[in-house]
Each structure stands twice: as C-alpha cells, then as structure tokens.
Amino acid sequence: SVSRTFGDIEAKKPELGGNPNVVIAVPDIKAFKIRESHDCILLACDGIYDKLTNKDCIDTIWQTVRKTQGNIHKVAGECVEMILKTSVANRTIDNITVVIICFKNLRKALSK
C-alpha cells in the first residue's frame, strides 16, 4: 500500500477524506561513514518494526550468525529469514520486508 498511496488521491486530499501526512514520498535519510567496526546494515519496513525493536533484530542476527554454518550469503539469508519468522510469530499484520547488507567485519565473525 505504501507505493500505491504515493499516488492515491483519496488517501492524501483532506477534502476527499484523506490525510496529506499519512504517507509521504520524502524519505528520511541519514548519512554516515562505514567503518571497519561496522558489521552490517539492516533495512526493514514498519511491518517488522511494529513488532520488533532494533535490539530484537540485532540479537536475532547475532544468534543466527553463531549457529549457522556456511558462507556469508547463506548466513545473511538465514538472518533475514529469522527476522521475518520472528515478526510473523509476533503476529505482524502488515507487509514485511528485510534487507541485510553485510560488511567485512561480519564475515570475520563467521570465521571465528
């Protein structure tokens, strides 16, 4: 519904019963320098964050890293899968999307 709502006039125009601030097409952007100490970036939609905190997601990632054997691609896939499953188990009713971008530091953690 997010992408549809950008152009959904009934959802936006007050005179048609909409709210102009319900969904905005202007993103929140935060710029930062990626450092050697960074492990990953996790991108998730509100369907995830309605049920899980940042800490929940990070804890899930590290639990999955510790118990999953294989290369970084397999581990990243398992991390995403576990966050999705945890969100569903917590009864999310929204669409859910998760993307994890792994950095060298996370790969190093796999080899320990």
PDB file of N, CA and C in Angstrom:
ATOM      1  N   SER A   1       0.807  -1.199   0.000  1.00  0.00           N
ATOM      2  CA  SER A   1       0.000   0.000   0.000  1.00  0.00           C
ATOM      3  C   SER A   1       0.850   1.264   0.000  1.00  0.00           C
ATOM      4  N   VAL A   2       2.094   1.173   0.457  1.00  0.00           N
ATOM      5  CA  VAL A   2       2.932   2.372   0.513  1.00  0.00           C
ATOM      6  C   VAL A   2       3.146   2.953  -0.869  1.00  0.00           C
ATOM      7  N   SER A   3       3.570   2.133  -1.822  1.00  0.00           N
ATOM      8  CA  SER A   3       3.830   2.672  -3.157  1.00  0.00           C
ATOM      9  C   SER A   3       2.540   3.130  -3.829  1.00  0.00           C
ATOM     10  N   ARG A   4       1.440   2.449  -3.574  1.00  0.00           N
ATOM     11  CA  ARG A   4       0.168   2.872  -4.148  1.00  0.00           C
ATOM     12  C   ARG A   4      -0.299   4.187  -3.537  1.00  0.00           C
ATOM     13  N   THR A   5      -0.042   4.404  -2.272  1.00  0.00           N
ATOM     14  CA  THR A   5      -0.537   5.586  -1.588  1.00  0.00           C
ATOM     15  C   THR A   5       0.155   6.856  -2.046  1.00  0.00           C
ATOM     16  N   PHE A   6       1.360   6.769  -2.562  1.00  0.00           N
ATOM     17  CA  PHE A   6       2.023   7.976  -3.061  1.00  0.00           C
ATOM     18  C   PHE A   6       1.160   8.673  -4.110  1.00  0.00           C
ATOM     19  N   GLY A   7       0.458   7.907  -4.907  1.00  0.00           N
ATOM     20  CA  GLY A   7      -0.366   8.487  -5.955  1.00  0.00           C
ATOM     21  C   GLY A   7      -1.857   8.337  -5.696  1.00  0.00           C
ATOM     22  N   ASP A   8      -2.246   7.937  -4.513  1.00  0.00           N
ATOM     23  CA  ASP A   8      -3.643   7.686  -4.167  1.00  0.00           C
ATOM     24  C   ASP A   8      -4.282   8.970  -3.650  1.00  0.00           C
ATOM     25  N   ILE A   9      -4.984   9.682  -4.519  1.00  0.00           N
ATOM     26  CA  ILE A   9      -5.517  10.995  -4.166  1.00  0.00           C
ATOM     27  C   ILE A   9      -6.510  10.919  -3.003  1.00  0.00           C
ATOM     28  N   GLU A  10      -7.303   9.852  -2.928  1.00  0.00           N
ATOM     29  CA  GLU A  10      -8.265   9.732  -1.829  1.00  0.00           C
ATOM     30  C   GLU A  10      -7.567   9.583  -0.478  1.00  0.00           C
ATOM     31  N   ALA A  11      -6.380   9.017  -0.485  1.00  0.00           N
ATOM     32  CA  ALA A  11      -5.637   8.848   0.765  1.00  0.00           C
ATOM     33  C   ALA A  11      -4.959  10.136   1.206  1.00  0.00           C
ATOM     34  N   LYS A  12      -4.743  11.073   0.274  1.00  0.00           N
ATOM     35  CA  LYS A  12      -3.960  12.270   0.572  1.00  0.00           C
ATOM     36  C   LYS A  12      -4.790  13.552   0.728  1.00  0.00           C
ATOM     37  N   LYS A  13      -5.820  13.741  -0.068  1.00  0.00           N
ATOM     38  CA  LYS A  13      -6.548  15.015  -0.080  1.00  0.00           C
ATOM     39  C   LYS A  13      -7.574  15.061   1.049  1.00  0.00           C
ATOM     40  N   PRO A  14      -7.460  16.056   1.961  1.00  0.00           N
ATOM     41  CA  PRO A  14      -8.400  16.166   3.078  1.00  0.00           C
ATOM     42  C   PRO A  14      -9.858  16.272   2.630  1.00  0.00           C
ATOM     43  N   GLU A  15     -10.110  16.989   1.547  1.00  0.00           N
ATOM     44  CA  GLU A  15     -11.496  17.148   1.089  1.00  0.00           C
ATOM     45  C   GLU A  15     -12.101  15.845   0.571  1.00  0.00           C
ATOM     46  N   LEU A  16     -11.262  14.845   0.350  1.00  0.00           N
ATOM     47  CA  LEU A  16     -11.742  13.523  -0.058  1.00  0.00           C
ATOM     48  C   LEU A  16     -11.645  12.516   1.086  1.00  0.00           C
ATOM     49  N   GLY A  17     -11.407  13.024   2.296  1.00  0.00           N
ATOM     50  CA  GLY A  17     -11.327  12.169   3.474  1.00  0.00           C
ATOM     51  C   GLY A  17      -9.938  11.644   3.775  1.00  0.00           C
ATOM     52  N   GLY A  18      -8.944  12.141   3.045  1.00  0.00           N
ATOM     53  CA  GLY A  18      -7.577  11.662   3.243  1.00  0.00           C
ATOM     54  C   GLY A  18      -6.779  12.521   4.205  1.00  0.00           C
ATOM     55  N   ASN A  19      -5.578  12.087   4.462  1.00  0.00           N
ATOM     56  CA  ASN A  19      -4.646  12.788   5.338  1.00  0.00           C
ATOM     57  C   ASN A  19      -3.365  13.018   4.545  1.00  0.00           C
ATOM     58  N   PRO A  20      -3.007  14.276   4.268  1.00  0.00           N
ATOM     59  CA  PRO A  20      -1.823  14.538   3.441  1.00  0.00           C
ATOM     60  C   PRO A  20      -0.513  14.069   4.065  1.00  0.00           C
ATOM     61  N   ASN A  21      -0.512  13.782   5.351  1.00  0.00           N
ATOM     62  CA  ASN A  21       0.714  13.346   6.026  1.00  0.00           C
ATOM     63  C   ASN A  21       0.735  11.855   6.334  1.00  0.00           C
ATOM     64  N   VAL A  22      -0.274  11.122   5.891  1.00  0.00           N
ATOM     65  CA  VAL A  22      -0.344   9.708   6.228  1.00  0.00           C
ATOM     66  C   VAL A  22       0.828   8.931   5.639  1.00  0.00           C
ATOM     67  N   VAL A  23       1.171   9.180   4.413  1.00  0.00           N
ATOM     68  CA  VAL A  23       2.345   8.587   3.778  1.00  0.00           C
ATOM     69  C   VAL A  23       2.995   9.686   2.964  1.00  0.00           C
ATOM     70  N   ILE A  24       4.268   9.888   3.179  1.00  0.00           N
ATOM     71  CA  ILE A  24       4.976  10.933   2.438  1.00  0.00           C
ATOM     72  C   ILE A  24       5.994  10.301   1.507  1.00  0.00           C
ATOM     73  N   ALA A  25       6.255  10.962   0.407  1.00  0.00           N
ATOM     74  CA  ALA A  25       7.229  10.448  -0.563  1.00  0.00           C
ATOM     75  C   ALA A  25       8.611  11.025  -0.323  1.00  0.00           C
ATOM     76  N   VAL A  26       8.778  11.747   0.775  1.00  0.00           N
ATOM     77  CA  VAL A  26      10.072  12.335   1.113  1.00  0.00           C
ATOM     78  C   VAL A  26      10.741  11.413   2.134  1.00  0.00           C
ATOM     79  N   PRO A  27      11.844  10.772   1.768  1.00  0.00           N
ATOM     80  CA  PRO A  27      12.461   9.798   2.674  1.00  0.00           C
ATOM     81  C   PRO A  27      13.228  10.462   3.820  1.00  0.00           C
ATOM     82  N   ASP A  28      13.357   9.732   4.915  1.00  0.00           N
ATOM     83  CA  ASP A  28      14.285  10.113   5.977  1.00  0.00           C
ATOM     84  C   ASP A  28      15.636   9.567   5.555  1.00  0.00           C
ATOM     85  N   ILE A  29      16.627  10.423   5.499  1.00  0.00           N
ATOM     86  CA  ILE A  29      17.957   9.999   5.063  1.00  0.00           C
ATOM     87  C   ILE A  29      18.957  10.316   6.155  1.00  0.00           C
ATOM     88  N   LYS A  30      19.775   9.346   6.476  1.00  0.00           N
ATOM     89  CA  LYS A  30      20.860   9.549   7.426  1.00  0.00           C
ATOM     90  C   LYS A  30      22.146   9.106   6.744  1.00  0.00           C
ATOM     91  N   ALA A  31      23.098  10.006   6.672  1.00  0.00           N
ATOM     92  CA  ALA A  31      24.391   9.683   6.057  1.00  0.00           C
ATOM     93  C   ALA A  31      25.411   9.407   7.155  1.00  0.00           C
ATOM     94  N   PHE A  32      26.206   8.391   6.959  1.00  0.00           N
ATOM     95  CA  PHE A  32      27.274   8.087   7.904  1.00  0.00           C
ATOM     96  C   PHE A  32      28.378   7.359   7.155  1.00  0.00           C
ATOM     97  N   LYS A  33      29.554   7.428   7.724  1.00  0.00           N
ATOM     98  CA  LYS A  33      30.709   6.777   7.122  1.00  0.00           C
ATOM     99  C   LYS A  33      30.773   5.331   7.622  1.00  0.00           C
ATOM    100  N   ILE A  34      30.892   4.406   6.695  1.00  0.00           N
ATOM    101  CA  ILE A  34      31.026   2.999   7.071  1.00  0.00           C
ATOM    102  C   ILE A  34      32.454   2.772   7.545  1.00  0.00           C
ATOM    103  N   ARG A  35      32.559   2.194   8.734  1.00  0.00           N
ATOM    104  CA  ARG A  35      33.864   1.967   9.348  1.00  0.00           C
ATOM    105  C   ARG A  35      34.161   0.471   9.409  1.00  0.00           C
ATOM    106  N   GLU A  36      35.424   0.158   9.634  1.00  0.00           N
ATOM    107  CA  GLU A  36      35.847  -1.248   9.754  1.00  0.00           C
ATOM    108  C   GLU A  36      35.074  -1.981  10.850  1.00  0.00           C
ATOM    109  N   SER A  37      34.652  -1.260  11.879  1.00  0.00           N
ATOM    110  CA  SER A  37      33.972  -1.886  13.011  1.00  0.00           C
ATOM    111  C   SER A  37      32.496  -2.192  12.731  1.00  0.00           C
ATOM    112  N   HIS A  38      31.954  -1.694  11.635  1.00  0.00           N
ATOM    113  CA  HIS A  38      30.554  -1.968  11.314  1.00  0.00           C
ATOM    114  C   HIS A  38      30.398  -3.395  10.791  1.00  0.00           C
ATOM    115  N   ASP A  39      29.346  -4.035  11.242  1.00  0.00           N
ATOM    116  CA  ASP A  39      29.073  -5.414  10.856  1.00  0.00           C
ATOM    117  C   ASP A  39      28.124  -5.509   9.665  1.00  0.00           C
ATOM    118  N   CYS A  40      27.058  -4.715   9.708  1.00  0.00           N
ATOM    119  CA  CYS A  40      26.047  -4.792   8.661  1.00  0.00           C
ATOM    120  C   CYS A  40      25.127  -3.584   8.732  1.00  0.00           C
ATOM    121  N   ILE A  41      24.327  -3.446   7.709  1.00  0.00           N
ATOM    122  CA  ILE A  41      23.209  -2.504   7.723  1.00  0.00           C
ATOM    123  C   ILE A  41      21.957  -3.350   7.564  1.00  0.00           C
ATOM    124  N   LEU A  42      20.978  -3.081   8.402  1.00  0.00           N
ATOM    125  CA  LEU A  42      19.703  -3.775   8.318  1.00  0.00           C
ATOM    126  C   LEU A  42      18.646  -2.768   7.889  1.00  0.00           C
ATOM    127  N   LEU A  43      17.968  -3.058   6.799  1.00  0.00           N
ATOM    128  CA  LEU A  43      16.859  -2.234   6.322  1.00  0.00           C
ATOM    129  C   LEU A  43      15.591  -3.055   6.485  1.00  0.00           C
ATOM    130  N   ALA A  44      14.606  -2.486   7.145  1.00  0.00           N
ATOM    131  CA  ALA A  44      13.352  -3.206   7.344  1.00  0.00           C
ATOM    132  C   ALA A  44      12.194  -2.217   7.332  1.00  0.00           C
ATOM    133  N   CYS A  45      11.040  -2.713   6.970  1.00  0.00           N
ATOM    134  CA  CYS A  45       9.861  -1.851   6.892  1.00  0.00           C
ATOM    135  C   CYS A  45       9.131  -1.813   8.233  1.00  0.00           C
ATOM    136  N   ASP A  46       8.100  -0.986   8.282  1.00  0.00           N
ATOM    137  CA  ASP A  46       7.356  -0.824   9.526  1.00  0.00           C
ATOM    138  C   ASP A  46       6.643  -2.099   9.957  1.00  0.00           C
ATOM    139  N   GLY A  47       6.351  -2.996   9.025  1.00  0.00           N
ATOM    140  CA  GLY A  47       5.749  -4.274   9.403  1.00  0.00           C
ATOM    141  C   GLY A  47       6.656  -5.088  10.309  1.00  0.00           C
ATOM    142  N   ILE A  48       7.956  -4.901  10.175  1.00  0.00           N
ATOM    143  CA  ILE A  48       8.931  -5.535  11.070  1.00  0.00           C
ATOM    144  C   ILE A  48       9.019  -4.748  12.371  1.00  0.00           C
ATOM    145  N   TYR A  49       9.234  -3.440  12.236  1.00  0.00           N
ATOM    146  CA  TYR A  49       9.465  -2.613  13.421  1.00  0.00           C
ATOM    147  C   TYR A  49       8.210  -2.367  14.255  1.00  0.00           C
ATOM    148  N   ASP A  50       7.028  -2.705  13.735  1.00  0.00           N
ATOM    149  CA  ASP A  50       5.825  -2.658  14.568  1.00  0.00           C
ATOM    150  C   ASP A  50       5.878  -3.731  15.652  1.00  0.00           C
ATOM    151  N   LYS A  51       6.621  -4.798  15.399  1.00  0.00           N
ATOM    152  CA  LYS A  51       6.669  -5.932  16.329  1.00  0.00           C
ATOM    153  C   LYS A  51       8.038  -6.160  16.962  1.00  0.00           C
ATOM    154  N   LEU A  52       9.105  -5.676  16.334  1.00  0.00           N
ATOM    155  CA  LEU A  52      10.461  -5.922  16.832  1.00  0.00           C
ATOM    156  C   LEU A  52      11.202  -4.604  17.012  1.00  0.00           C
ATOM    157  N   THR A  53      12.030  -4.552  18.021  1.00  0.00           N
ATOM    158  CA  THR A  53      12.885  -3.382  18.224  1.00  0.00           C
ATOM    159  C   THR A  53      14.184  -3.563  17.442  1.00  0.00           C
ATOM    160  N   ASN A  54      14.961  -2.497  17.355  1.00  0.00           N
ATOM    161  CA  ASN A  54      16.293  -2.621  16.753  1.00  0.00           C
ATOM    162  C   ASN A  54      17.091  -3.698  17.475  1.00  0.00           C
ATOM    163  N   LYS A  55      17.021  -3.685  18.805  1.00  0.00           N
ATOM    164  CA  LYS A  55      17.769  -4.666  19.602  1.00  0.00           C
ATOM    165  C   LYS A  55      17.300  -6.089  19.291  1.00  0.00           C
ATOM    166  N   ASP A  56      15.999  -6.293  19.171  1.00  0.00           N
ATOM    167  CA  ASP A  56      15.479  -7.620  18.806  1.00  0.00           C
ATOM    168  C   ASP A  56      16.095  -8.099  17.494  1.00  0.00           C
ATOM    169  N   CYS A  57      16.132  -7.210  16.509  1.00  0.00           N
ATOM    170  CA  CYS A  57      16.672  -7.574  15.190  1.00  0.00           C
ATOM    171  C   CYS A  57      18.158  -7.893  15.270  1.00  0.00           C
ATOM    172  N   ILE A  58      18.915  -7.056  15.966  1.00  0.00           N
ATOM    173  CA  ILE A  58      20.359  -7.281  16.084  1.00  0.00           C
ATOM    174  C   ILE A  58      20.641  -8.557  16.875  1.00  0.00           C
ATOM    175  N   ASP A  59      19.901  -8.777  17.957  1.00  0.00           N
ATOM    176  CA  ASP A  59      20.070 -10.022  18.721  1.00  0.00           C
ATOM    177  C   ASP A  59      19.781 -11.241  17.843  1.00  0.00           C
ATOM    178  N   THR A  60      18.751 -11.153  17.022  1.00  0.00           N
ATOM    179  CA  THR A  60      18.412 -12.250  16.111  1.00  0.00           C
ATOM    180  C   THR A  60      19.537 -12.491  15.113  1.00  0.00           C
ATOM    181  N   ILE A  61      20.098 -11.415  14.579  1.00  0.00           N
ATOM    182  CA  ILE A  61      21.216 -11.555  13.637  1.00  0.00           C
ATOM    183  C   ILE A  61      22.376 -12.279  14.297  1.00  0.00           C
ATOM    184  N   TRP A  62      22.787 -11.845  15.489  1.00  0.00           N
ATOM    185  CA  TRP A  62      23.954 -12.460  16.132  1.00  0.00           C
ATOM    186  C   TRP A  62      23.687 -13.893  16.575  1.00  0.00           C
ATOM    187  N   GLN A  63      22.471 -14.195  17.028  1.00  0.00           N
ATOM    188  CA  GLN A  63      22.134 -15.585  17.361  1.00  0.00           C
ATOM    189  C   GLN A  63      22.233 -16.465  16.115  1.00  0.00           C
ATOM    190  N   THR A  64      21.758 -15.940  14.998  1.00  0.00           N
ATOM    191  CA  THR A  64      21.796 -16.689  13.743  1.00  0.00           C
ATOM    192  C   THR A  64      23.223 -16.859  13.247  1.00  0.00           C
ATOM    193  N   VAL A  65      24.035 -15.826  13.349  1.00  0.00           N
ATOM    194  CA  VAL A  65      25.446 -15.908  12.937  1.00  0.00           C
ATOM    195  C   VAL A  65      26.156 -16.994  13.737  1.00  0.00           C
ATOM    196  N   ARG A  66      25.897 -17.057  15.046  1.00  0.00           N
ATOM    197  CA  ARG A  66      26.572 -18.037  15.901  1.00  0.00           C
ATOM    198  C   ARG A  66      26.181 -19.477  15.572  1.00  0.00           C
ATOM    199  N   LYS A  67      24.955 -19.702  15.116  1.00  0.00           N
ATOM    200  CA  LYS A  67      24.512 -21.085  14.920  1.00  0.00           C
ATOM    201  C   LYS A  67      24.471 -21.546  13.465  1.00  0.00           C
ATOM    202  N   THR A  68      24.706 -20.655  12.511  1.00  0.00           N
ATOM    203  CA  THR A  68      24.599 -21.024  11.099  1.00  0.00           C
ATOM    204  C   THR A  68      25.972 -21.288  10.509  1.00  0.00           C
ATOM    205  N   GLN A  69      26.110 -22.426   9.867  1.00  0.00           N
ATOM    206  CA  GLN A  69      27.340 -22.775   9.164  1.00  0.00           C
ATOM    207  C   GLN A  69      27.195 -22.370   7.701  1.00  0.00           C
ATOM    208  N   GLY A  70      28.289 -21.952   7.106  1.00  0.00           N
ATOM    209  CA  GLY A  70      28.246 -21.638   5.683  1.00  0.00           C
ATOM    210  C   GLY A  70      28.858 -20.290   5.380  1.00  0.00           C
ATOM    211  N   ASN A  71      28.730 -19.895   4.131  1.00  0.00           N
ATOM    212  CA  ASN A  71      29.327 -18.633   3.706  1.00  0.00           C
ATOM    213  C   ASN A  71      28.440 -17.450   4.101  1.00  0.00           C
ATOM    214  N   ILE A  72      28.948 -16.274   3.876  1.00  0.00           N
ATOM    215  CA  ILE A  72      28.258 -15.051   4.295  1.00  0.00           C
ATOM    216  C   ILE A  72      26.890 -14.920   3.623  1.00  0.00           C
ATOM    217  N   HIS A  73      26.765 -15.399   2.392  1.00  0.00           N
ATOM    218  CA  HIS A  73      25.488 -15.307   1.684  1.00  0.00           C
ATOM    219  C   HIS A  73      24.419 -16.167   2.356  1.00  0.00           C
ATOM    220  N   LYS A  74      24.813 -17.371   2.739  1.00  0.00           N
ATOM    221  CA  LYS A  74      23.874 -18.261   3.428  1.00  0.00           C
ATOM    222  C   LYS A  74      23.493 -17.680   4.785  1.00  0.00           C
ATOM    223  N   VAL A  75      24.464 -17.188   5.510  1.00  0.00           N
ATOM    224  CA  VAL A  75      24.205 -16.633   6.840  1.00  0.00           C
ATOM    225  C   VAL A  75      23.298 -15.405   6.741  1.00  0.00           C
ATOM    226  N   ALA A  76      23.568 -14.527   5.781  1.00  0.00           N
ATOM    227  CA  ALA A  76      22.726 -13.338   5.602  1.00  0.00           C
ATOM    228  C   ALA A  76      21.283 -13.746   5.292  1.00  0.00           C
ATOM    229  N   GLY A  77      21.124 -14.744   4.432  1.00  0.00           N
ATOM    230  CA  GLY A  77      19.783 -15.236   4.112  1.00  0.00           C
ATOM    231  C   GLY A  77      19.069 -15.797   5.327  1.00  0.00           C
ATOM    232  N   GLU A  78      19.802 -16.537   6.149  1.00  0.00           N
ATOM    233  CA  GLU A  78      19.226 -17.090   7.380  1.00  0.00           C
ATOM    234  C   GLU A  78      18.844 -15.978   8.357  1.00  0.00           C
ATOM    235  N   CYS A  79      19.670 -14.944   8.445  1.00  0.00           N
ATOM    236  CA  CYS A  79      19.364 -13.804   9.325  1.00  0.00           C
ATOM    237  C   CYS A  79      18.054 -13.143   8.906  1.00  0.00           C
ATOM    238  N   VAL A  80      17.921 -12.887   7.619  1.00  0.00           N
ATOM    239  CA  VAL A  80      16.689 -12.283   7.101  1.00  0.00           C
ATOM    240  C   VAL A  80      15.498 -13.189   7.391  1.00  0.00           C
ATOM    241  N   GLU A  81      15.659 -14.474   7.115  1.00  0.00           N
ATOM    242  CA  GLU A  81      14.576 -15.438   7.341  1.00  0.00           C
ATOM    243  C   GLU A  81      14.142 -15.460   8.806  1.00  0.00           C
ATOM    244  N   MET A  82      15.095 -15.432   9.718  1.00  0.00           N
ATOM    245  CA  MET A  82      14.762 -15.472  11.146  1.00  0.00           C
ATOM    246  C   MET A  82      14.048 -14.202  11.598  1.00  0.00           C
ATOM    247  N   ILE A  83      14.460 -13.048  11.087  1.00  0.00           N
ATOM    248  CA  ILE A  83      13.767 -11.800  11.440  1.00  0.00           C
ATOM    249  C   ILE A  83      12.337 -11.831  10.903  1.00  0.00           C
ATOM    250  N   LEU A  84      12.158 -12.294   9.673  1.00  0.00           N
ATOM    251  CA  LEU A  84      10.813 -12.412   9.105  1.00  0.00           C
ATOM    252  C   LEU A  84       9.950 -13.361   9.935  1.00  0.00           C
ATOM    253  N   LYS A  85      10.495 -14.529  10.268  1.00  0.00           N
ATOM    254  CA  LYS A  85       9.740 -15.518  11.048  1.00  0.00           C
ATOM    255  C   LYS A  85       9.386 -14.993  12.435  1.00  0.00           C
ATOM    256  N   THR A  86      10.320 -14.284  13.064  1.00  0.00           N
ATOM    257  CA  THR A  86      10.063 -13.735  14.396  1.00  0.00           C
ATOM    258  C   THR A  86       8.957 -12.692  14.340  1.00  0.00           C
ATOM    259  N   SER A  87       8.976 -11.867  13.321  1.00  0.00           N
ATOM    260  CA  SER A  87       7.934 -10.858  13.155  1.00  0.00           C
ATOM    261  C   SER A  87       6.565 -11.512  12.946  1.00  0.00           C
ATOM    262  N   VAL A  88       6.524 -12.535  12.116  1.00  0.00           N
ATOM    263  CA  VAL A  88       5.271 -13.259  11.879  1.00  0.00           C
ATOM    264  C   VAL A  88       4.814 -13.951  13.165  1.00  0.00           C
ATOM    265  N   ALA A  89       5.742 -14.546  13.902  1.00  0.00           N
ATOM    266  CA  ALA A  89       5.396 -15.204  15.168  1.00  0.00           C
ATOM    267  C   ALA A  89       4.832 -14.212  16.181  1.00  0.00           C
ATOM    268  N   ASN A  90       5.244 -12.957  16.064  1.00  0.00           N
ATOM    269  CA  ASN A  90       4.721 -11.900  16.937  1.00  0.00           C
ATOM    270  C   ASN A  90       3.457 -11.264  16.366  1.00  0.00           C
ATOM    271  N   ARG A  91       2.890 -11.905  15.365  1.00  0.00           N
ATOM    272  CA  ARG A  91       1.604 -11.548  14.779  1.00  0.00           C
ATOM    273  C   ARG A  91       1.572 -10.196  14.060  1.00  0.00           C
ATOM    274  N   THR A  92       2.609  -9.925  13.286  1.00  0.00           N
ATOM    275  CA  THR A  92       2.544  -8.729  12.458  1.00  0.00           C
ATOM    276  C   THR A  92       1.404  -8.904  11.458  1.00  0.00           C
ATOM    277  N   ILE A  93       0.714  -7.820  11.165  1.00  0.00           N
ATOM    278  CA  ILE A  93      -0.393  -7.896  10.206  1.00  0.00           C
ATOM    279  C   ILE A  93      -0.103  -7.049   8.970  1.00  0.00           C
ATOM    280  N   ASP A  94       1.102  -6.536   8.879  1.00  0.00           N
ATOM    281  CA  ASP A  94       1.498  -5.659   7.785  1.00  0.00           C
ATOM    282  C   ASP A  94       2.398  -6.424   6.818  1.00  0.00           C
ATOM    283  N   ASN A  95       2.642  -5.836   5.668  1.00  0.00           N
ATOM    284  CA  ASN A  95       3.648  -6.381   4.759  1.00  0.00           C
ATOM    285  C   ASN A  95       4.998  -6.321   5.450  1.00  0.00           C
ATOM    286  N   ILE A  96       5.875  -7.274   5.148  1.00  0.00           N
ATOM    287  CA  ILE A  96       7.186  -7.272   5.791  1.00  0.00           C
ATOM    288  C   ILE A  96       8.298  -7.431   4.763  1.00  0.00           C
ATOM    289  N   THR A  97       9.316  -6.611   4.940  1.00  0.00           N
ATOM    290  CA  THR A  97      10.491  -6.633   4.075  1.00  0.00           C
ATOM    291  C   THR A  97      11.726  -6.439   4.936  1.00  0.00           C
ATOM    292  N   VAL A  98      12.753  -7.235   4.671  1.00  0.00           N
ATOM    293  CA  VAL A  98      14.029  -7.111   5.380  1.00  0.00           C
ATOM    294  C   VAL A  98      15.153  -7.273   4.371  1.00  0.00           C
ATOM    295  N   VAL A  99      16.151  -6.402   4.470  1.00  0.00           N
ATOM    296  CA  VAL A  99      17.366  -6.500   3.666  1.00  0.00           C
ATOM    297  C   VAL A  99      18.541  -6.356   4.619  1.00  0.00           C
ATOM    298  N   ILE A 100      19.515  -7.235   4.504  1.00  0.00           N
ATOM    299  CA  ILE A 100      20.735  -7.101   5.301  1.00  0.00           C
ATOM    300  C   ILE A 100      21.910  -6.954   4.337  1.00  0.00           C
ATOM    301  N   ILE A 101      22.734  -5.961   4.605  1.00  0.00           N
ATOM    302  CA  ILE A 101      23.951  -5.718   3.824  1.00  0.00           C
ATOM    303  C   ILE A 101      25.115  -6.007   4.756  1.00  0.00           C
ATOM    304  N   CYS A 102      25.873  -7.034   4.452  1.00  0.00           N
ATOM    305  CA  CYS A 102      26.958  -7.484   5.326  1.00  0.00           C
ATOM    306  C   CYS A 102      28.283  -6.838   4.934  1.00  0.00           C
ATOM    307  N   PHE A 103      29.065  -6.507   5.948  1.00  0.00           N
ATOM    308  CA  PHE A 103      30.387  -5.935   5.737  1.00  0.00           C
ATOM    309  C   PHE A 103      31.452  -6.937   6.171  1.00  0.00           C
ATOM    310  N   LYS A 104      32.699  -6.592   5.908  1.00  0.00           N
ATOM    311  CA  LYS A 104      33.826  -7.487   6.197  1.00  0.00           C
ATOM    312  C   LYS A 104      33.862  -7.923   7.652  1.00  0.00           C
ATOM    313  N   ASN A 105      33.506  -7.033   8.561  1.00  0.00           N
ATOM    314  CA  ASN A 105      33.570  -7.361   9.982  1.00  0.00           C
ATOM    315  C   ASN A 105      32.646  -8.529  10.332  1.00  0.00           C
ATOM    316  N   LEU A 106      31.485  -8.608   9.703  1.00  0.00           N
ATOM    317  CA  LEU A 106      30.584  -9.730   9.948  1.00  0.00           C
ATOM    318  C   LEU A 106      31.166 -11.015   9.364  1.00  0.00           C
ATOM    319  N   ARG A 107      31.787 -10.904   8.219  1.00  0.00           N
ATOM    320  CA  ARG A 107      32.435 -12.076   7.613  1.00  0.00           C
ATOM    321  C   ARG A 107      33.543 -12.592   8.527  1.00  0.00           C
ATOM    322  N   LYS A 108      34.303 -11.678   9.131  1.00  0.00           N
ATOM    323  CA  LYS A 108      35.362 -12.083  10.072  1.00  0.00           C
ATOM    324  C   LYS A 108      34.770 -12.842  11.252  1.00  0.00           C
ATOM    325  N   ALA A 109      33.609 -12.395  11.728  1.00  0.00           N
ATOM    326  CA  ALA A 109      32.964 -13.062  12.863  1.00  0.00           C
ATOM    327  C   ALA A 109      32.593 -14.501  12.519  1.00  0.00           C
ATOM    328  N   LEU A 110      32.282 -14.769  11.270  1.00  0.00           N
ATOM    329  CA  LEU A 110      31.937 -16.130  10.843  1.00  0.00           C
ATOM    330  C   LEU A 110      33.125 -17.075  10.902  1.00  0.00           C
ATOM    331  N   SER A 111      34.306 -16.551  10.692  1.00  0.00           N
ATOM    332  CA  SER A 111      35.495 -17.402  10.655  1.00  0.00           C
ATOM    333  C   SER A 111      36.066 -17.675  12.041  1.00  0.00           C
ATOM    334  N   LYS A 112      35.473 -17.109  13.075  1.00  0.00           N
ATOM    335  CA  LYS A 112      35.972 -17.337  14.447  1.00  0.00           C
ATOM    336  C   LYS A 112      35.400 -18.593  15.033  1.00  0.00           C
TER     337      LYS A 112
END
